[in-house]
């Protein structure tokens, strides 16, 4: 896990430098760490590149899904009328579909705990479709939740 590179991404590098690094990264743990520490004020270019990387695992995809406010998709609270949300919809809808299809590998195992309360979990267990249970199922593995 390259914590130095992720610190550079977070504090020093331009989007172009970060995209170049993410495209060349072969370490799933580093990609997860990038997703975990991503500043969502910086739009969707970097998360999109992380998701395109073959080393991106299900844990990383779920981290980006929740970080990008994927709960709105699960709660069916997506306003189609707001043109300001078009970039967000263009990011989150395909990510939702890819997760449902199983496009992301589960190995190597990286820990992911869905960031939902017990009440939200209870409600979601009753309302989600069987294929959507992946969004609320914790994943065991190495804990890479490191704030940089």
C-alpha atoms as a PDB file:
ATOM      1  CA  UNK A   1       0.000   0.000   0.000  1.00  0.00           C
ATOM      2  CA  UNK A   2       1.567   3.263  -1.169  1.00  0.00           C
ATOM      3  CA  UNK A   3       0.529   5.827   1.458  1.00  0.00           C
ATOM      4  CA  UNK A   4       3.057   8.381   0.170  1.00  0.00           C
ATOM      5  CA  UNK A   5       1.468   8.403  -3.288  1.00  0.00           C
ATOM      6  CA  UNK A   6      -2.012   8.742  -1.807  1.00  0.00           C
ATOM      7  CA  UNK A   7      -0.851  11.694   0.319  1.00  0.00           C
ATOM      8  CA  UNK A   8       0.552  13.276  -2.854  1.00  0.00           C
ATOM      9  CA  UNK A   9      -2.756  12.683  -4.613  1.00  0.00           C
ATOM     10  CA  UNK A  10      -4.627  14.274  -1.755  1.00  0.00           C
ATOM     11  CA  UNK A  11      -2.389  17.274  -1.160  1.00  0.00           C
ATOM     12  CA  UNK A  12       0.022  17.919  -4.033  1.00  0.00           C
ATOM     13  CA  UNK A  13      -0.698  16.378  -7.399  1.00  0.00           C
ATOM     14  CA  UNK A  14      -2.831  17.780 -10.172  1.00  0.00           C
ATOM     15  CA  UNK A  15      -5.727  15.791 -11.584  1.00  0.00           C
ATOM     16  CA  UNK A  16      -3.554  14.868 -14.604  1.00  0.00           C
ATOM     17  CA  UNK A  17      -0.752  13.560 -12.359  1.00  0.00           C
ATOM     18  CA  UNK A  18      -3.236  11.613 -10.272  1.00  0.00           C
ATOM     19  CA  UNK A  19      -4.952  10.082 -13.314  1.00  0.00           C
ATOM     20  CA  UNK A  20      -1.566   8.981 -14.665  1.00  0.00           C
ATOM     21  CA  UNK A  21      -0.703   7.350 -11.341  1.00  0.00           C
ATOM     22  CA  UNK A  22      -4.094   5.661 -10.946  1.00  0.00           C
ATOM     23  CA  UNK A  23      -3.910   4.232 -14.473  1.00  0.00           C
ATOM     24  CA  UNK A  24      -0.532   2.662 -13.735  1.00  0.00           C
ATOM     25  CA  UNK A  25      -1.325   1.432 -10.217  1.00  0.00           C
ATOM     26  CA  UNK A  26      -1.468  -2.355  -9.859  1.00  0.00           C
ATOM     27  CA  UNK A  27      -2.035  -2.513  -6.090  1.00  0.00           C
ATOM     28  CA  UNK A  28      -5.694  -2.990  -5.079  1.00  0.00           C
ATOM     29  CA  UNK A  29      -4.996  -1.745  -1.537  1.00  0.00           C
ATOM     30  CA  UNK A  30      -3.556   1.537  -2.838  1.00  0.00           C
ATOM     31  CA  UNK A  31      -6.588   2.032  -5.081  1.00  0.00           C
ATOM     32  CA  UNK A  32      -8.862   1.437  -2.096  1.00  0.00           C
ATOM     33  CA  UNK A  33      -6.859   3.937  -0.059  1.00  0.00           C
ATOM     34  CA  UNK A  34      -7.253   6.485  -2.883  1.00  0.00           C
ATOM     35  CA  UNK A  35     -11.015   5.927  -2.848  1.00  0.00           C
ATOM     36  CA  UNK A  36     -11.225   6.077   0.946  1.00  0.00           C
ATOM     37  CA  UNK A  37      -9.357   9.400   1.066  1.00  0.00           C
ATOM     38  CA  UNK A  38     -10.890  10.961  -2.023  1.00  0.00           C
ATOM     39  CA  UNK A  39     -12.132  14.559  -1.795  1.00  0.00           C
ATOM     40  CA  UNK A  40     -15.496  14.532  -3.563  1.00  0.00           C
ATOM     41  CA  UNK A  41     -15.259  18.268  -4.223  1.00  0.00           C
ATOM     42  CA  UNK A  42     -12.826  17.295  -7.006  1.00  0.00           C
ATOM     43  CA  UNK A  43     -15.574  15.823  -9.217  1.00  0.00           C
ATOM     44  CA  UNK A  44     -15.614  12.369 -10.834  1.00  0.00           C
ATOM     45  CA  UNK A  45     -12.489  12.102 -13.028  1.00  0.00           C
ATOM     46  CA  UNK A  46     -10.320  10.315 -10.487  1.00  0.00           C
ATOM     47  CA  UNK A  47     -13.003   7.936  -9.152  1.00  0.00           C
ATOM     48  CA  UNK A  48     -13.849   7.053 -12.754  1.00  0.00           C
ATOM     49  CA  UNK A  49     -10.211   6.189 -13.425  1.00  0.00           C
ATOM     50  CA  UNK A  50     -10.030   4.106 -10.249  1.00  0.00           C
ATOM     51  CA  UNK A  51     -13.070   2.127 -11.414  1.00  0.00           C
ATOM     52  CA  UNK A  52     -11.524   1.550 -14.861  1.00  0.00           C
ATOM     53  CA  UNK A  53      -8.381   0.074 -13.323  1.00  0.00           C
ATOM     54  CA  UNK A  54      -8.313  -3.758 -13.525  1.00  0.00           C
ATOM     55  CA  UNK A  55      -6.985  -3.870  -9.940  1.00  0.00           C
ATOM     56  CA  UNK A  56     -10.170  -2.216  -8.616  1.00  0.00           C
ATOM     57  CA  UNK A  57     -11.933  -4.633  -6.265  1.00  0.00           C
ATOM     58  CA  UNK A  58     -15.518  -4.796  -5.057  1.00  0.00           C
ATOM     59  CA  UNK A  59     -14.493  -3.123  -1.768  1.00  0.00           C
ATOM     60  CA  UNK A  60     -13.105  -0.133  -3.673  1.00  0.00           C
ATOM     61  CA  UNK A  61     -16.166   0.074  -5.916  1.00  0.00           C
ATOM     62  CA  UNK A  62     -18.451   0.022  -2.869  1.00  0.00           C
ATOM     63  CA  UNK A  63     -16.323   2.680  -1.159  1.00  0.00           C
ATOM     64  CA  UNK A  64     -16.738   4.917  -4.231  1.00  0.00           C
ATOM     65  CA  UNK A  65     -20.438   4.093  -4.461  1.00  0.00           C
ATOM     66  CA  UNK A  66     -21.107   5.219  -0.899  1.00  0.00           C
ATOM     67  CA  UNK A  67     -18.643   8.117  -1.104  1.00  0.00           C
ATOM     68  CA  UNK A  68     -20.454   9.323  -4.201  1.00  0.00           C
ATOM     69  CA  UNK A  69     -23.816   9.251  -2.400  1.00  0.00           C
ATOM     70  CA  UNK A  70     -24.993   5.936  -3.763  1.00  0.00           C
ATOM     71  CA  UNK A  71     -27.479   5.761  -0.893  1.00  0.00           C
ATOM     72  CA  UNK A  72     -29.719   8.004  -3.005  1.00  0.00           C
ATOM     73  CA  UNK A  73     -29.858   5.256  -5.616  1.00  0.00           C
ATOM     74  CA  UNK A  74     -30.688   2.592  -3.045  1.00  0.00           C
ATOM     75  CA  UNK A  75     -33.339   4.819  -1.502  1.00  0.00           C
ATOM     76  CA  UNK A  76     -34.657   5.642  -4.988  1.00  0.00           C
ATOM     77  CA  UNK A  77     -34.198   9.319  -4.221  1.00  0.00           C
ATOM     78  CA  UNK A  78     -32.676  10.448  -7.518  1.00  0.00           C
ATOM     79  CA  UNK A  79     -34.232  13.548  -9.005  1.00  0.00           C
ATOM     80  CA  UNK A  80     -34.146  13.286 -12.795  1.00  0.00           C
ATOM     81  CA  UNK A  81     -35.134  16.941 -13.152  1.00  0.00           C
ATOM     82  CA  UNK A  82     -32.023  18.530 -11.685  1.00  0.00           C
ATOM     83  CA  UNK A  83     -29.572  19.183 -14.543  1.00  0.00           C
ATOM     84  CA  UNK A  84     -26.839  19.997 -12.010  1.00  0.00           C
ATOM     85  CA  UNK A  85     -26.825  16.327 -11.011  1.00  0.00           C
ATOM     86  CA  UNK A  86     -26.227  14.983 -14.517  1.00  0.00           C
ATOM     87  CA  UNK A  87     -22.493  14.350 -13.915  1.00  0.00           C
ATOM     88  CA  UNK A  88     -23.341  12.549 -10.685  1.00  0.00           C
ATOM     89  CA  UNK A  89     -25.989  10.391 -12.379  1.00  0.00           C
ATOM     90  CA  UNK A  90     -23.511   9.590 -15.184  1.00  0.00           C
ATOM     91  CA  UNK A  91     -21.107   8.319 -12.532  1.00  0.00           C
ATOM     92  CA  UNK A  92     -23.360   6.581 -10.022  1.00  0.00           C
ATOM     93  CA  UNK A  93     -25.831   4.740 -12.281  1.00  0.00           C
ATOM     94  CA  UNK A  94     -23.180   2.806 -14.262  1.00  0.00           C
ATOM     95  CA  UNK A  95     -21.330   2.059 -11.018  1.00  0.00           C
ATOM     96  CA  UNK A  96     -24.534   0.665  -9.500  1.00  0.00           C
ATOM     97  CA  UNK A  97     -25.055  -1.536 -12.575  1.00  0.00           C
ATOM     98  CA  UNK A  98     -21.456  -2.806 -12.572  1.00  0.00           C
ATOM     99  CA  UNK A  99     -21.669  -3.742  -8.894  1.00  0.00           C
ATOM    100  CA  UNK A 100     -24.974  -5.572  -9.452  1.00  0.00           C
ATOM    101  CA  UNK A 101     -23.471  -7.464 -12.423  1.00  0.00           C
ATOM    102  CA  UNK A 102     -20.469  -8.570 -10.356  1.00  0.00           C
ATOM    103  CA  UNK A 103     -17.914  -6.769 -12.522  1.00  0.00           C
ATOM    104  CA  UNK A 104     -15.458  -6.282  -9.656  1.00  0.00           C
ATOM    105  CA  UNK A 105     -13.270  -9.023  -8.204  1.00  0.00           C
ATOM    106  CA  UNK A 106     -13.490  -9.824  -4.498  1.00  0.00           C
ATOM    107  CA  UNK A 107      -9.844 -10.842  -4.281  1.00  0.00           C
ATOM    108  CA  UNK A 108      -7.604  -9.747  -2.770  1.00  0.00           C
ATOM    109  CA  UNK A 109      -9.845  -9.327   0.221  1.00  0.00           C
ATOM    110  CA  UNK A 110     -10.130  -5.750   1.473  1.00  0.00           C
ATOM    111  CA  UNK A 111     -12.440  -5.020   4.393  1.00  0.00           C
ATOM    112  CA  UNK A 112     -15.534  -2.951   3.713  1.00  0.00           C
ATOM    113  CA  UNK A 113     -18.292  -2.144   6.187  1.00  0.00           C
ATOM    114  CA  UNK A 114     -21.296  -0.432   4.620  1.00  0.00           C
ATOM    115  CA  UNK A 115     -21.620   3.012   6.215  1.00  0.00           C
ATOM    116  CA  UNK A 116     -25.230   2.589   7.262  1.00  0.00           C
ATOM    117  CA  UNK A 117     -26.883   2.749  10.651  1.00  0.00           C
ATOM    118  CA  UNK A 118     -28.599  -0.236  12.221  1.00  0.00           C
ATOM    119  CA  UNK A 119     -31.974   1.293  11.398  1.00  0.00           C
ATOM    120  CA  UNK A 120     -30.989   1.878   7.751  1.00  0.00           C
ATOM    121  CA  UNK A 121     -29.660  -1.679   7.559  1.00  0.00           C
ATOM    122  CA  UNK A 122     -32.918  -3.079   8.929  1.00  0.00           C
ATOM    123  CA  UNK A 123     -35.020  -1.100   6.452  1.00  0.00           C
ATOM    124  CA  UNK A 124     -32.744  -1.924   3.535  1.00  0.00           C
ATOM    125  CA  UNK A 125     -32.774  -5.650   4.313  1.00  0.00           C
ATOM    126  CA  UNK A 126     -36.530  -5.560   3.858  1.00  0.00           C
ATOM    127  CA  UNK A 127     -36.645  -3.286   0.801  1.00  0.00           C
ATOM    128  CA  UNK A 128     -33.649  -4.183  -1.361  1.00  0.00           C
ATOM    129  CA  UNK A 129     -33.880  -6.690  -4.179  1.00  0.00           C
ATOM    130  CA  UNK A 130     -31.818  -9.863  -3.680  1.00  0.00           C
ATOM    131  CA  UNK A 131     -29.163  -8.705  -6.162  1.00  0.00           C
ATOM    132  CA  UNK A 132     -28.829  -5.419  -4.244  1.00  0.00           C
ATOM    133  CA  UNK A 133     -27.864  -7.112  -0.987  1.00  0.00           C
ATOM    134  CA  UNK A 134     -24.220  -6.734  -2.062  1.00  0.00           C
ATOM    135  CA  UNK A 135     -24.511  -3.060  -1.074  1.00  0.00           C
ATOM    136  CA  UNK A 136     -25.193  -3.864   2.579  1.00  0.00           C
ATOM    137  CA  UNK A 137     -23.108  -7.008   2.999  1.00  0.00           C
ATOM    138  CA  UNK A 138     -19.859  -6.413   4.916  1.00  0.00           C
ATOM    139  CA  UNK A 139     -16.698  -7.755   3.286  1.00  0.00           C
ATOM    140  CA  UNK A 140     -13.917  -9.305   5.361  1.00  0.00           C
ATOM    141  CA  UNK A 141     -10.274  -8.699   4.610  1.00  0.00           C
ATOM    142  CA  UNK A 142      -7.413  -6.349   5.271  1.00  0.00           C
ATOM    143  CA  UNK A 143      -8.502  -3.098   6.896  1.00  0.00           C
ATOM    144  CA  UNK A 144      -7.303  -0.284   4.618  1.00  0.00           C
ATOM    145  CA  UNK A 145      -9.414   2.477   6.169  1.00  0.00           C
ATOM    146  CA  UNK A 146      -6.498   4.806   6.837  1.00  0.00           C
ATOM    147  CA  UNK A 147      -7.145   8.544   6.940  1.00  0.00           C
ATOM    148  CA  UNK A 148      -4.254  10.434   5.385  1.00  0.00           C
END
